[in-house]
Each structure stands twice: as structure tokens, then as C-alpha cells.
């Protein structure tokens, strides 16, 4: 587990006591006092990162739904940052990647507000209209507001149409320049088309959400896993090991998913895999936040501590918080 605030022993009071002891023996210049303060100031080590969470408020006119969505689709009725913190903080998670919720359409304002209100806690994956005229400038403005990726609904038909799409070419090119990832919500059938995009834009980070949903509708197959693992030949492709509640047997402790996770570690290396909960759906009974993170933290035997750090923090940190 990562250190918590309670594990820090050097605080301001401790430093003052140490400083008083030094002061009793010798006089130090101001610069030396500053160096001593910097060396002894408490700085707890960072905790884990959840690479995929959706948040939204109770419905009001302030954040209206997109025109194609009615209130019946908003389940649960809210999942605010504060509600999220009640689940993630007890598990040692202190940074989160927010994914724009589809029922707000292209209005990313609630997500952006959350990023602004909690500096250093959130990074964002936005949904934008790639057909807009000022796409390049929009992506730059989003980057300034903490957006480090864009969600793309990678259905088979969409991916096919993207092959000749100039706006999608602009998204990939600008994403590569700014370090913003193209985050694919895809099915296994779309992986071939995603690979074509990766081959044309090898410098653009691409993140595959939820194992490309392998094991969601049917048990994982060897053919599907080979397709996904083939993307490992592109160094900028990453995969989220996430949404355990929706995959395989769909029951905690999710150990039936371990062979698939190991297969991805062998193909991509842990440095290109990142854990995520997909809250709030992961905390609907009988599922819990703890059960999701525990699969990576506690149940993956025979992986190194470095692998665990990559899966639970370092990969997401490089992609979404650098």
C-alpha cells in the first residue's frame, strides 16, 4: 500500500524541534535554514491512480443533458467527486482520470469544473466534436485545462469511416504534438481498424479502454487476445485493465481475469498497462471498489513490485499526469 499522511513523521513541529537543537550549537545563514527545511519537510509518497472514472451531479439546469438523452439514463442519480472520494481514498487512491460522460455530449464543463476545483487530483478525458472547424485550437485549450485525452467511440463502422477522415487525422496529429491520448472505447471487432490508425500515427498515444471489452459478451477467445496483443508492436499503445465488474464471470474477486491480465503483461509489459475501476459502475452491489483494486494489488502472484507500481500508478501517471 502507498504511504498515507499518517505515516509521515516529519512535520512542521518536528522541523522546529530539530532546528532548535541546531540553533543551540551554531548560527546558520538563512540559505542553510532553507535547505534544512526543504530536506525535512513532510512529503508523503503519492498513492495509486484510478485511470477511468465518470462523475456527474444530480440533474439541474446548470449541467443539462445532451438533447438525445433523457433523465432515465442517469443511473445512479449522481456520482460526484465527493462520492467518489468515499470509495477511493480508503483504498489509497489519490489521483483519478475523469472520463467525460456520454449523456452530457460535448459539454465537458462539469468534468472541467472538477479538475479546476481539485488541483493535482484529476486529469481529464474529454469528448469533443471532431468535425468542428477550430479542432486544433480546441484541443490546445482543453490541454490548458487539464485534458490529457479524448474518448472515441470506436465501433466497427466508426473506425472504418475514420480511415479517410481529415478531422480524425487532425486529432491524432495534434494529440501526438500535445501528448493527448486517443482513448478507444472499442469492441474486439474494431481492433484491426484501430491498428491501421496506430500505424499511421505512431507518435500519438492510444489507450484501449477495458481490454477492448474482451470478455464482456462472451468468454475471451484466443483470436481476440491475439488481436489485442498485436497492438503491442506500437510503443505508444496502452491498455486499461479495468471494468472487472463487466467482464468474464462478472463476480468478485475476478480471479478468472488473471490469465488475460498476465497475457497482456507478457505482450505489452506492465509499463503500458494501467488499472482503472470504471466507477460508479464498479461500486454497484455485489461489486466494490476494494474488490477491483485488490485484484491487481493482492491477487496477481509472481509479478514484481515494479510491475504492480506500473499497473496501479506509474503508467497512468506518465500518460495522464505528466
C-alpha atoms as a PDB file:
ATOM      1  CA  UNK A   1       0.000   0.000   0.000  1.00  0.00           C
ATOM      2  CA  UNK A   2       1.264   3.543  -0.627  1.00  0.00           C
ATOM      3  CA  UNK A   3       2.212   5.652   2.403  1.00  0.00           C
ATOM      4  CA  UNK A   4      -0.533   7.834   3.860  1.00  0.00           C
ATOM      5  CA  UNK A   5      -0.449  11.166   5.599  1.00  0.00           C
ATOM      6  CA  UNK A   6      -0.487   9.325   8.917  1.00  0.00           C
ATOM      7  CA  UNK A   7       2.830   7.627   8.062  1.00  0.00           C
ATOM      8  CA  UNK A   8       4.713  10.936   7.740  1.00  0.00           C
ATOM      9  CA  UNK A   9       6.755  11.705  10.826  1.00  0.00           C
ATOM     10  CA  UNK A  10       8.456  14.924   9.746  1.00  0.00           C
ATOM     11  CA  UNK A  11       6.060  17.806  10.016  1.00  0.00           C
ATOM     12  CA  UNK A  12       6.467  21.466  10.852  1.00  0.00           C
ATOM     13  CA  UNK A  13       6.629  20.753  14.599  1.00  0.00           C
ATOM     14  CA  UNK A  14       9.347  18.106  14.070  1.00  0.00           C
ATOM     15  CA  UNK A  15      11.385  20.504  11.948  1.00  0.00           C
ATOM     16  CA  UNK A  16      11.124  23.268  14.531  1.00  0.00           C
ATOM     17  CA  UNK A  17      12.409  20.906  17.215  1.00  0.00           C
ATOM     18  CA  UNK A  18      15.353  19.886  15.048  1.00  0.00           C
ATOM     19  CA  UNK A  19      16.061  23.489  14.154  1.00  0.00           C
ATOM     20  CA  UNK A  20      16.063  24.498  17.795  1.00  0.00           C
ATOM     21  CA  UNK A  21      18.683  21.849  18.532  1.00  0.00           C
ATOM     22  CA  UNK A  22      20.905  23.112  15.763  1.00  0.00           C
ATOM     23  CA  UNK A  23      20.395  26.717  16.804  1.00  0.00           C
ATOM     24  CA  UNK A  24      21.677  25.886  20.270  1.00  0.00           C
ATOM     25  CA  UNK A  25      25.091  24.912  18.898  1.00  0.00           C
ATOM     26  CA  UNK A  26      25.756  27.161  15.934  1.00  0.00           C
ATOM     27  CA  UNK A  27      24.384  30.015  13.921  1.00  0.00           C
ATOM     28  CA  UNK A  28      23.399  29.147  10.340  1.00  0.00           C
ATOM     29  CA  UNK A  29      22.889  31.507   7.409  1.00  0.00           C
ATOM     30  CA  UNK A  30      19.371  31.889   6.016  1.00  0.00           C
ATOM     31  CA  UNK A  31      20.203  29.736   2.995  1.00  0.00           C
ATOM     32  CA  UNK A  32      21.249  26.865   5.273  1.00  0.00           C
ATOM     33  CA  UNK A  33      17.993  27.100   7.241  1.00  0.00           C
ATOM     34  CA  UNK A  34      16.036  26.913   3.972  1.00  0.00           C
ATOM     35  CA  UNK A  35      17.967  23.826   2.898  1.00  0.00           C
ATOM     36  CA  UNK A  36      17.294  22.184   6.247  1.00  0.00           C
ATOM     37  CA  UNK A  37      13.596  23.000   5.974  1.00  0.00           C
ATOM     38  CA  UNK A  38      13.399  21.554   2.440  1.00  0.00           C
ATOM     39  CA  UNK A  39      15.187  18.369   3.498  1.00  0.00           C
ATOM     40  CA  UNK A  40      12.943  17.713   6.492  1.00  0.00           C
ATOM     41  CA  UNK A  41       9.549  18.885   5.252  1.00  0.00           C
ATOM     42  CA  UNK A  42       6.926  16.110   5.149  1.00  0.00           C
ATOM     43  CA  UNK A  43       6.075  14.959   1.634  1.00  0.00           C
ATOM     44  CA  UNK A  44       4.032  11.752   1.641  1.00  0.00           C
ATOM     45  CA  UNK A  45       4.679   9.457  -1.316  1.00  0.00           C
ATOM     46  CA  UNK A  46       1.951   9.548  -3.956  1.00  0.00           C
ATOM     47  CA  UNK A  47      -0.781   6.946  -3.825  1.00  0.00           C
ATOM     48  CA  UNK A  48      -2.423   4.899  -6.518  1.00  0.00           C
ATOM     49  CA  UNK A  49      -4.106   6.284  -9.641  1.00  0.00           C
ATOM     50  CA  UNK A  50      -7.514   5.214 -10.920  1.00  0.00           C
ATOM     51  CA  UNK A  51      -7.306   5.681 -14.691  1.00  0.00           C
ATOM     52  CA  UNK A  52     -11.035   5.650 -15.512  1.00  0.00           C
ATOM     53  CA  UNK A  53     -13.917   7.173 -13.537  1.00  0.00           C
ATOM     54  CA  UNK A  54     -17.107   9.014 -14.533  1.00  0.00           C
ATOM     55  CA  UNK A  55     -18.569  11.761 -12.355  1.00  0.00           C
ATOM     56  CA  UNK A  56     -21.765  13.777 -12.664  1.00  0.00           C
ATOM     57  CA  UNK A  57     -24.022  15.876 -10.442  1.00  0.00           C
ATOM     58  CA  UNK A  58     -27.670  15.495  -9.574  1.00  0.00           C
ATOM     59  CA  UNK A  59     -29.538  16.831 -12.583  1.00  0.00           C
ATOM     60  CA  UNK A  60     -30.066  20.591 -12.653  1.00  0.00           C
ATOM     61  CA  UNK A  61     -30.291  23.272 -15.309  1.00  0.00           C
ATOM     62  CA  UNK A  62     -26.655  24.144 -14.614  1.00  0.00           C
ATOM     63  CA  UNK A  63     -25.410  20.986 -16.345  1.00  0.00           C
ATOM     64  CA  UNK A  64     -28.149  19.918 -18.782  1.00  0.00           C
ATOM     65  CA  UNK A  65     -28.202  16.590 -20.579  1.00  0.00           C
ATOM     66  CA  UNK A  66     -27.473  16.423 -24.284  1.00  0.00           C
ATOM     67  CA  UNK A  67     -30.607  16.589 -26.434  1.00  0.00           C
ATOM     68  CA  UNK A  68     -30.641  12.855 -27.260  1.00  0.00           C
ATOM     69  CA  UNK A  69     -30.699  11.770 -23.595  1.00  0.00           C
ATOM     70  CA  UNK A  70     -33.480  11.748 -21.016  1.00  0.00           C
ATOM     71  CA  UNK A  71     -33.190  11.674 -17.217  1.00  0.00           C
ATOM     72  CA  UNK A  72     -33.942   7.949 -17.137  1.00  0.00           C
ATOM     73  CA  UNK A  73     -30.409   7.205 -18.416  1.00  0.00           C
ATOM     74  CA  UNK A  74     -28.777   8.872 -15.407  1.00  0.00           C
ATOM     75  CA  UNK A  75     -28.146   5.942 -13.100  1.00  0.00           C
ATOM     76  CA  UNK A  76     -27.183   6.406 -10.317  1.00  0.00           C
ATOM     77  CA  UNK A  77     -28.804   9.813  -9.894  1.00  0.00           C
ATOM     78  CA  UNK A  78     -25.388  11.359  -9.116  1.00  0.00           C
ATOM     79  CA  UNK A  79     -21.773  10.397  -8.656  1.00  0.00           C
ATOM     80  CA  UNK A  80     -19.877  13.475  -7.542  1.00  0.00           C
ATOM     81  CA  UNK A  81     -16.164  13.767  -6.714  1.00  0.00           C
ATOM     82  CA  UNK A  82     -17.076  13.664  -3.037  1.00  0.00           C
ATOM     83  CA  UNK A  83     -18.977  10.401  -3.525  1.00  0.00           C
ATOM     84  CA  UNK A  84     -16.001   9.023  -5.417  1.00  0.00           C
ATOM     85  CA  UNK A  85     -13.559  10.003  -2.662  1.00  0.00           C
ATOM     86  CA  UNK A  86     -15.544   7.985  -0.122  1.00  0.00           C
ATOM     87  CA  UNK A  87     -14.702   4.850  -2.130  1.00  0.00           C
ATOM     88  CA  UNK A  88     -11.207   5.540  -3.470  1.00  0.00           C
ATOM     89  CA  UNK A  89      -9.395   7.251  -0.617  1.00  0.00           C
ATOM     90  CA  UNK A  90      -9.724   4.347   1.861  1.00  0.00           C
ATOM     91  CA  UNK A  91      -8.017   2.214  -0.809  1.00  0.00           C
ATOM     92  CA  UNK A  92      -5.038   4.543  -1.147  1.00  0.00           C
ATOM     93  CA  UNK A  93      -6.119   6.131  -4.447  1.00  0.00           C
ATOM     94  CA  UNK A  94      -5.447   9.868  -4.514  1.00  0.00           C
ATOM     95  CA  UNK A  95      -5.439  10.725  -8.228  1.00  0.00           C
ATOM     96  CA  UNK A  96      -8.091   9.943 -10.822  1.00  0.00           C
ATOM     97  CA  UNK A  97      -8.570  10.224 -14.568  1.00  0.00           C
ATOM     98  CA  UNK A  98     -12.067  11.548 -15.272  1.00  0.00           C
ATOM     99  CA  UNK A  99     -13.842  10.351 -18.419  1.00  0.00           C
ATOM    100  CA  UNK A 100     -16.490  12.634 -19.900  1.00  0.00           C
ATOM    101  CA  UNK A 101     -19.930  11.065 -19.530  1.00  0.00           C
ATOM    102  CA  UNK A 102     -21.748  10.441 -22.809  1.00  0.00           C
ATOM    103  CA  UNK A 103     -25.086  11.858 -21.691  1.00  0.00           C
ATOM    104  CA  UNK A 104     -23.560  15.344 -21.480  1.00  0.00           C
ATOM    105  CA  UNK A 105     -22.491  15.144 -25.109  1.00  0.00           C
ATOM    106  CA  UNK A 106     -19.749  17.636 -25.999  1.00  0.00           C
ATOM    107  CA  UNK A 107     -20.356  19.754 -22.880  1.00  0.00           C
ATOM    108  CA  UNK A 108     -17.330  18.903 -20.735  1.00  0.00           C
ATOM    109  CA  UNK A 109     -17.964  21.708 -18.228  1.00  0.00           C
ATOM    110  CA  UNK A 110     -18.749  19.556 -15.163  1.00  0.00           C
ATOM    111  CA  UNK A 111     -15.607  17.500 -15.647  1.00  0.00           C
ATOM    112  CA  UNK A 112     -13.516  20.630 -16.216  1.00  0.00           C
ATOM    113  CA  UNK A 113     -15.006  22.239 -13.091  1.00  0.00           C
ATOM    114  CA  UNK A 114     -13.994  19.192 -11.049  1.00  0.00           C
ATOM    115  CA  UNK A 115     -10.428  19.383 -12.395  1.00  0.00           C
ATOM    116  CA  UNK A 116     -10.215  23.089 -11.516  1.00  0.00           C
ATOM    117  CA  UNK A 117     -11.671  22.633  -8.016  1.00  0.00           C
ATOM    118  CA  UNK A 118      -9.268  19.809  -7.104  1.00  0.00           C
ATOM    119  CA  UNK A 119      -5.803  20.816  -8.375  1.00  0.00           C
ATOM    120  CA  UNK A 120      -3.475  17.879  -8.884  1.00  0.00           C
ATOM    121  CA  UNK A 121      -6.177  15.301  -8.172  1.00  0.00           C
ATOM    122  CA  UNK A 122      -7.879  14.935 -11.541  1.00  0.00           C
ATOM    123  CA  UNK A 123      -6.849  14.642 -15.144  1.00  0.00           C
ATOM    124  CA  UNK A 124      -9.465  14.619 -17.900  1.00  0.00           C
ATOM    125  CA  UNK A 125     -10.501  12.683 -20.993  1.00  0.00           C
ATOM    126  CA  UNK A 126     -12.937  14.859 -22.938  1.00  0.00           C
ATOM    127  CA  UNK A 127     -15.463  14.222 -25.693  1.00  0.00           C
ATOM    128  CA  UNK A 128     -15.321  16.804 -28.465  1.00  0.00           C
ATOM    129  CA  UNK A 129     -16.856  17.253 -31.902  1.00  0.00           C
ATOM    130  CA  UNK A 130     -14.048  16.268 -34.251  1.00  0.00           C
ATOM    131  CA  UNK A 131     -15.913  17.881 -37.167  1.00  0.00           C
ATOM    132  CA  UNK A 132     -15.622  21.394 -35.718  1.00  0.00           C
ATOM    133  CA  UNK A 133     -13.640  23.941 -37.712  1.00  0.00           C
ATOM    134  CA  UNK A 134     -11.273  25.014 -34.928  1.00  0.00           C
ATOM    135  CA  UNK A 135     -10.446  21.480 -33.776  1.00  0.00           C
ATOM    136  CA  UNK A 136      -6.741  22.128 -33.343  1.00  0.00           C
ATOM    137  CA  UNK A 137      -7.307  25.216 -31.177  1.00  0.00           C
ATOM    138  CA  UNK A 138      -9.995  23.464 -29.146  1.00  0.00           C
ATOM    139  CA  UNK A 139      -7.572  20.672 -28.312  1.00  0.00           C
ATOM    140  CA  UNK A 140      -4.953  23.200 -27.226  1.00  0.00           C
ATOM    141  CA  UNK A 141      -7.463  24.995 -24.980  1.00  0.00           C
ATOM    142  CA  UNK A 142      -8.525  21.675 -23.485  1.00  0.00           C
ATOM    143  CA  UNK A 143      -4.904  20.800 -22.802  1.00  0.00           C
ATOM    144  CA  UNK A 144      -4.507  24.026 -20.812  1.00  0.00           C
ATOM    145  CA  UNK A 145      -7.499  22.992 -18.686  1.00  0.00           C
ATOM    146  CA  UNK A 146      -6.084  19.585 -17.766  1.00  0.00           C
ATOM    147  CA  UNK A 147      -7.417  17.401 -20.575  1.00  0.00           C
ATOM    148  CA  UNK A 148      -4.905  14.690 -21.484  1.00  0.00           C
ATOM    149  CA  UNK A 149      -7.028  12.567 -23.773  1.00  0.00           C
ATOM    150  CA  UNK A 150     -10.190  12.247 -25.856  1.00  0.00           C
ATOM    151  CA  UNK A 151     -12.749   9.490 -25.795  1.00  0.00           C
ATOM    152  CA  UNK A 152     -13.516   7.985 -29.193  1.00  0.00           C
ATOM    153  CA  UNK A 153     -16.426   5.583 -29.595  1.00  0.00           C
ATOM    154  CA  UNK A 154     -14.594   3.038 -31.714  1.00  0.00           C
ATOM    155  CA  UNK A 155     -17.385   0.962 -33.201  1.00  0.00           C
ATOM    156  CA  UNK A 156     -16.534  -1.043 -36.285  1.00  0.00           C
ATOM    157  CA  UNK A 157     -18.415   1.413 -38.521  1.00  0.00           C
ATOM    158  CA  UNK A 158     -16.873   4.485 -36.865  1.00  0.00           C
ATOM    159  CA  UNK A 159     -13.345   3.139 -37.144  1.00  0.00           C
ATOM    160  CA  UNK A 160     -13.908   2.291 -40.782  1.00  0.00           C
ATOM    161  CA  UNK A 161     -15.070   5.846 -41.507  1.00  0.00           C
ATOM    162  CA  UNK A 162     -12.098   7.337 -39.633  1.00  0.00           C
ATOM    163  CA  UNK A 163      -9.575   5.860 -42.043  1.00  0.00           C
ATOM    164  CA  UNK A 164     -10.290   8.625 -44.596  1.00  0.00           C
ATOM    165  CA  UNK A 165     -11.363  11.346 -42.131  1.00  0.00           C
ATOM    166  CA  UNK A 166      -9.278  14.518 -42.217  1.00  0.00           C
ATOM    167  CA  UNK A 167     -10.642  15.696 -38.826  1.00  0.00           C
ATOM    168  CA  UNK A 168      -9.595  12.403 -37.218  1.00  0.00           C
ATOM    169  CA  UNK A 169      -6.187  12.837 -38.833  1.00  0.00           C
ATOM    170  CA  UNK A 170      -6.035  16.276 -37.199  1.00  0.00           C
ATOM    171  CA  UNK A 171      -6.999  14.823 -33.820  1.00  0.00           C
ATOM    172  CA  UNK A 172      -4.275  12.196 -33.997  1.00  0.00           C
ATOM    173  CA  UNK A 173      -1.641  14.643 -35.233  1.00  0.00           C
ATOM    174  CA  UNK A 174      -2.459  17.280 -32.611  1.00  0.00           C
ATOM    175  CA  UNK A 175      -2.714  14.643 -29.910  1.00  0.00           C
ATOM    176  CA  UNK A 176       0.770  13.476 -30.790  1.00  0.00           C
ATOM    177  CA  UNK A 177       2.105  17.028 -30.592  1.00  0.00           C
ATOM    178  CA  UNK A 178       0.436  17.799 -27.241  1.00  0.00           C
ATOM    179  CA  UNK A 179       0.745  14.379 -25.629  1.00  0.00           C
ATOM    180  CA  UNK A 180      -3.027  13.865 -25.584  1.00  0.00           C
ATOM    181  CA  UNK A 181      -4.156  10.257 -25.911  1.00  0.00           C
ATOM    182  CA  UNK A 182      -6.826   8.880 -28.210  1.00  0.00           C
ATOM    183  CA  UNK A 183      -8.856   6.745 -25.787  1.00  0.00           C
ATOM    184  CA  UNK A 184     -10.765   4.000 -27.573  1.00  0.00           C
ATOM    185  CA  UNK A 185     -13.976   2.515 -26.220  1.00  0.00           C
ATOM    186  CA  UNK A 186     -13.928  -0.430 -28.591  1.00  0.00           C
ATOM    187  CA  UNK A 187     -15.002  -3.986 -29.188  1.00  0.00           C
ATOM    188  CA  UNK A 188     -12.577  -6.677 -30.398  1.00  0.00           C
ATOM    189  CA  UNK A 189     -14.014  -6.435 -33.921  1.00  0.00           C
ATOM    190  CA  UNK A 190     -12.702  -2.860 -34.213  1.00  0.00           C
ATOM    191  CA  UNK A 191      -9.083  -3.630 -33.318  1.00  0.00           C
ATOM    192  CA  UNK A 192      -7.990  -4.148 -36.933  1.00  0.00           C
ATOM    193  CA  UNK A 193      -9.154  -0.633 -37.838  1.00  0.00           C
ATOM    194  CA  UNK A 194      -7.555   0.848 -34.713  1.00  0.00           C
ATOM    195  CA  UNK A 195      -4.277  -0.763 -35.717  1.00  0.00           C
ATOM    196  CA  UNK A 196      -4.390   0.983 -39.092  1.00  0.00           C
ATOM    197  CA  UNK A 197      -4.710   4.342 -37.309  1.00  0.00           C
ATOM    198  CA  UNK A 198      -1.841   3.472 -34.959  1.00  0.00           C
ATOM    199  CA  UNK A 199       0.399   2.544 -37.874  1.00  0.00           C
ATOM    200  CA  UNK A 200      -0.168   5.956 -39.491  1.00  0.00           C
ATOM    201  CA  UNK A 201       0.300   7.869 -36.237  1.00  0.00           C
ATOM    202  CA  UNK A 202       2.978   6.024 -34.249  1.00  0.00           C
ATOM    203  CA  UNK A 203       3.776   9.128 -32.147  1.00  0.00           C
ATOM    204  CA  UNK A 204       0.224   9.554 -30.863  1.00  0.00           C
ATOM    205  CA  UNK A 205      -0.659   7.876 -27.555  1.00  0.00           C
ATOM    206  CA  UNK A 206      -3.567   5.458 -27.936  1.00  0.00           C
ATOM    207  CA  UNK A 207      -5.302   3.967 -24.899  1.00  0.00           C
ATOM    208  CA  UNK A 208      -7.569   0.926 -25.239  1.00  0.00           C
ATOM    209  CA  UNK A 209     -10.298   1.015 -22.588  1.00  0.00           C
ATOM    210  CA  UNK A 210     -11.428  -2.076 -20.654  1.00  0.00           C
ATOM    211  CA  UNK A 211      -9.349  -4.704 -22.512  1.00  0.00           C
ATOM    212  CA  UNK A 212     -11.240  -3.623 -25.675  1.00  0.00           C
ATOM    213  CA  UNK A 213     -14.222  -5.186 -23.869  1.00  0.00           C
ATOM    214  CA  UNK A 214     -12.913  -8.704 -24.480  1.00  0.00           C
ATOM    215  CA  UNK A 215     -14.991 -10.991 -22.298  1.00  0.00           C
ATOM    216  CA  UNK A 216     -17.952  -8.656 -21.969  1.00  0.00           C
ATOM    217  CA  UNK A 217     -20.482 -10.516 -24.128  1.00  0.00           C
ATOM    218  CA  UNK A 218     -18.759 -13.892 -24.464  1.00  0.00           C
ATOM    219  CA  UNK A 219     -15.757 -15.554 -22.808  1.00  0.00           C
ATOM    220  CA  UNK A 220     -12.402 -14.279 -24.114  1.00  0.00           C
ATOM    221  CA  UNK A 221     -11.116 -16.145 -27.151  1.00  0.00           C
ATOM    222  CA  UNK A 222      -7.572 -16.769 -28.321  1.00  0.00           C
ATOM    223  CA  UNK A 223      -8.266 -14.887 -31.548  1.00  0.00           C
ATOM    224  CA  UNK A 224      -9.465 -11.799 -29.664  1.00  0.00           C
ATOM    225  CA  UNK A 225      -6.445 -11.816 -27.360  1.00  0.00           C
ATOM    226  CA  UNK A 226      -4.070 -12.157 -30.310  1.00  0.00           C
ATOM    227  CA  UNK A 227      -5.701  -9.128 -31.956  1.00  0.00           C
ATOM    228  CA  UNK A 228      -5.294  -7.032 -28.832  1.00  0.00           C
ATOM    229  CA  UNK A 229      -1.750  -8.187 -28.129  1.00  0.00           C
ATOM    230  CA  UNK A 230      -0.770  -7.409 -31.724  1.00  0.00           C
ATOM    231  CA  UNK A 231      -1.151  -3.719 -30.850  1.00  0.00           C
ATOM    232  CA  UNK A 232       1.872  -4.106 -28.565  1.00  0.00           C
ATOM    233  CA  UNK A 233       4.095  -3.615 -31.624  1.00  0.00           C
ATOM    234  CA  UNK A 234       3.186   0.108 -31.411  1.00  0.00           C
ATOM    235  CA  UNK A 235       5.134   1.606 -28.475  1.00  0.00           C
ATOM    236  CA  UNK A 236       2.558   4.344 -27.806  1.00  0.00           C
ATOM    237  CA  UNK A 237      -0.395   1.963 -27.340  1.00  0.00           C
ATOM    238  CA  UNK A 238      -1.592   1.384 -23.767  1.00  0.00           C
ATOM    239  CA  UNK A 239      -4.339  -0.822 -22.337  1.00  0.00           C
ATOM    240  CA  UNK A 240      -6.578  -0.307 -19.317  1.00  0.00           C
ATOM    241  CA  UNK A 241      -7.089  -3.402 -17.195  1.00  0.00           C
ATOM    242  CA  UNK A 242     -10.439  -2.202 -15.966  1.00  0.00           C
ATOM    243  CA  UNK A 243     -14.214  -2.673 -15.636  1.00  0.00           C
ATOM    244  CA  UNK A 244     -13.819  -6.027 -13.925  1.00  0.00           C
ATOM    245  CA  UNK A 245     -17.491  -5.988 -12.925  1.00  0.00           C
ATOM    246  CA  UNK A 246     -18.468  -6.265 -16.618  1.00  0.00           C
ATOM    247  CA  UNK A 247     -16.044  -8.914 -17.855  1.00  0.00           C
ATOM    248  CA  UNK A 248     -15.698 -12.678 -17.634  1.00  0.00           C
ATOM    249  CA  UNK A 249     -17.738 -14.182 -14.810  1.00  0.00           C
ATOM    250  CA  UNK A 250     -18.586 -10.640 -13.643  1.00  0.00           C
ATOM    251  CA  UNK A 251     -18.200 -11.600  -9.999  1.00  0.00           C
ATOM    252  CA  UNK A 252     -15.642 -10.626  -7.351  1.00  0.00           C
ATOM    253  CA  UNK A 253     -12.849 -11.471  -6.709  1.00  0.00           C
ATOM    254  CA  UNK A 254     -12.493 -11.542 -10.552  1.00  0.00           C
ATOM    255  CA  UNK A 255      -9.671 -14.087 -10.482  1.00  0.00           C
ATOM    256  CA  UNK A 256     -10.944 -15.566 -13.754  1.00  0.00           C
ATOM    257  CA  UNK A 257      -9.499 -12.438 -15.428  1.00  0.00           C
ATOM    258  CA  UNK A 258      -5.948 -13.079 -14.184  1.00  0.00           C
ATOM    259  CA  UNK A 259      -4.882 -15.164 -17.240  1.00  0.00           C
ATOM    260  CA  UNK A 260      -5.926 -12.308 -19.540  1.00  0.00           C
ATOM    261  CA  UNK A 261      -4.024  -9.762 -17.442  1.00  0.00           C
ATOM    262  CA  UNK A 262      -0.911 -11.944 -17.459  1.00  0.00           C
ATOM    263  CA  UNK A 263      -1.195 -12.331 -21.219  1.00  0.00           C
ATOM    264  CA  UNK A 264      -1.190  -8.542 -21.597  1.00  0.00           C
ATOM    265  CA  UNK A 265       1.772  -8.135 -19.234  1.00  0.00           C
ATOM    266  CA  UNK A 266       3.725 -10.589 -21.384  1.00  0.00           C
ATOM    267  CA  UNK A 267       2.797  -8.719 -24.591  1.00  0.00           C
ATOM    268  CA  UNK A 268       2.903  -5.053 -23.574  1.00  0.00           C
ATOM    269  CA  UNK A 269       4.932  -5.062 -20.388  1.00  0.00           C
ATOM    270  CA  UNK A 270       3.452  -3.618 -17.218  1.00  0.00           C
ATOM    271  CA  UNK A 271       4.735  -0.166 -18.185  1.00  0.00           C
ATOM    272  CA  UNK A 272       1.966   0.068 -20.800  1.00  0.00           C
ATOM    273  CA  UNK A 273      -0.892  -1.246 -18.674  1.00  0.00           C
ATOM    274  CA  UNK A 274      -2.951   0.736 -16.159  1.00  0.00           C
ATOM    275  CA  UNK A 275      -5.594  -0.288 -13.664  1.00  0.00           C
ATOM    276  CA  UNK A 276      -8.945   1.509 -13.512  1.00  0.00           C
ATOM    277  CA  UNK A 277     -12.224   0.951 -11.706  1.00  0.00           C
ATOM    278  CA  UNK A 278     -14.803   2.385 -14.147  1.00  0.00           C
ATOM    279  CA  UNK A 279     -16.748   3.895 -11.262  1.00  0.00           C
ATOM    280  CA  UNK A 280     -19.557   4.364 -10.441  1.00  0.00           C
ATOM    281  CA  UNK A 281     -20.466   1.047 -12.076  1.00  0.00           C
ATOM    282  CA  UNK A 282     -17.769  -0.801 -10.146  1.00  0.00           C
ATOM    283  CA  UNK A 283     -19.395   0.106  -6.816  1.00  0.00           C
ATOM    284  CA  UNK A 284     -22.851  -1.293  -7.582  1.00  0.00           C
ATOM    285  CA  UNK A 285     -23.528  -4.349  -5.375  1.00  0.00           C
ATOM    286  CA  UNK A 286     -22.193  -7.006  -5.271  1.00  0.00           C
ATOM    287  CA  UNK A 287     -19.167  -5.153  -6.637  1.00  0.00           C
ATOM    288  CA  UNK A 288     -16.948  -2.866  -4.581  1.00  0.00           C
ATOM    289  CA  UNK A 289     -14.034  -0.526  -5.157  1.00  0.00           C
ATOM    290  CA  UNK A 290     -11.850  -2.591  -2.868  1.00  0.00           C
ATOM    291  CA  UNK A 291     -12.536  -5.766  -4.869  1.00  0.00           C
ATOM    292  CA  UNK A 292     -11.389  -4.073  -8.072  1.00  0.00           C
ATOM    293  CA  UNK A 293      -8.073  -2.709  -6.832  1.00  0.00           C
ATOM    294  CA  UNK A 294      -7.399  -5.842  -4.779  1.00  0.00           C
ATOM    295  CA  UNK A 295      -7.226  -7.967  -7.936  1.00  0.00           C
ATOM    296  CA  UNK A 296      -4.102  -6.060  -9.020  1.00  0.00           C
ATOM    297  CA  UNK A 297      -2.760  -5.155  -5.589  1.00  0.00           C
ATOM    298  CA  UNK A 298      -3.119  -8.532  -3.850  1.00  0.00           C
ATOM    299  CA  UNK A 299      -4.091 -11.354  -6.217  1.00  0.00           C
ATOM    300  CA  UNK A 300      -1.564 -11.175  -9.060  1.00  0.00           C
ATOM    301  CA  UNK A 301       1.067 -13.565  -7.756  1.00  0.00           C
ATOM    302  CA  UNK A 302       4.547 -13.793  -9.264  1.00  0.00           C
ATOM    303  CA  UNK A 303       4.712 -10.227 -10.568  1.00  0.00           C
ATOM    304  CA  UNK A 304       7.344  -7.836  -9.318  1.00  0.00           C
ATOM    305  CA  UNK A 305       6.678  -4.840  -7.113  1.00  0.00           C
ATOM    306  CA  UNK A 306       7.750  -2.727 -10.074  1.00  0.00           C
ATOM    307  CA  UNK A 307       5.017  -4.302 -12.202  1.00  0.00           C
ATOM    308  CA  UNK A 308       2.461  -3.573  -9.507  1.00  0.00           C
ATOM    309  CA  UNK A 309       3.599   0.038  -9.269  1.00  0.00           C
ATOM    310  CA  UNK A 310       3.263   0.405 -13.043  1.00  0.00           C
ATOM    311  CA  UNK A 311      -0.248  -1.043 -13.121  1.00  0.00           C
ATOM    312  CA  UNK A 312      -1.511   0.943 -10.157  1.00  0.00           C
ATOM    313  CA  UNK A 313       0.277   4.254 -10.629  1.00  0.00           C
ATOM    314  CA  UNK A 314       3.251   4.833 -12.894  1.00  0.00           C
ATOM    315  CA  UNK A 315       1.728   4.089 -16.309  1.00  0.00           C
ATOM    316  CA  UNK A 316      -1.305   6.316 -15.746  1.00  0.00           C
ATOM    317  CA  UNK A 317       0.986   8.955 -14.242  1.00  0.00           C
ATOM    318  CA  UNK A 318       3.098   9.093 -17.420  1.00  0.00           C
ATOM    319  CA  UNK A 319       0.131   9.122 -19.800  1.00  0.00           C
ATOM    320  CA  UNK A 320      -2.323  11.361 -17.965  1.00  0.00           C
ATOM    321  CA  UNK A 321      -0.428  13.398 -15.356  1.00  0.00           C
ATOM    322  CA  UNK A 322       2.924  14.225 -16.922  1.00  0.00           C
END
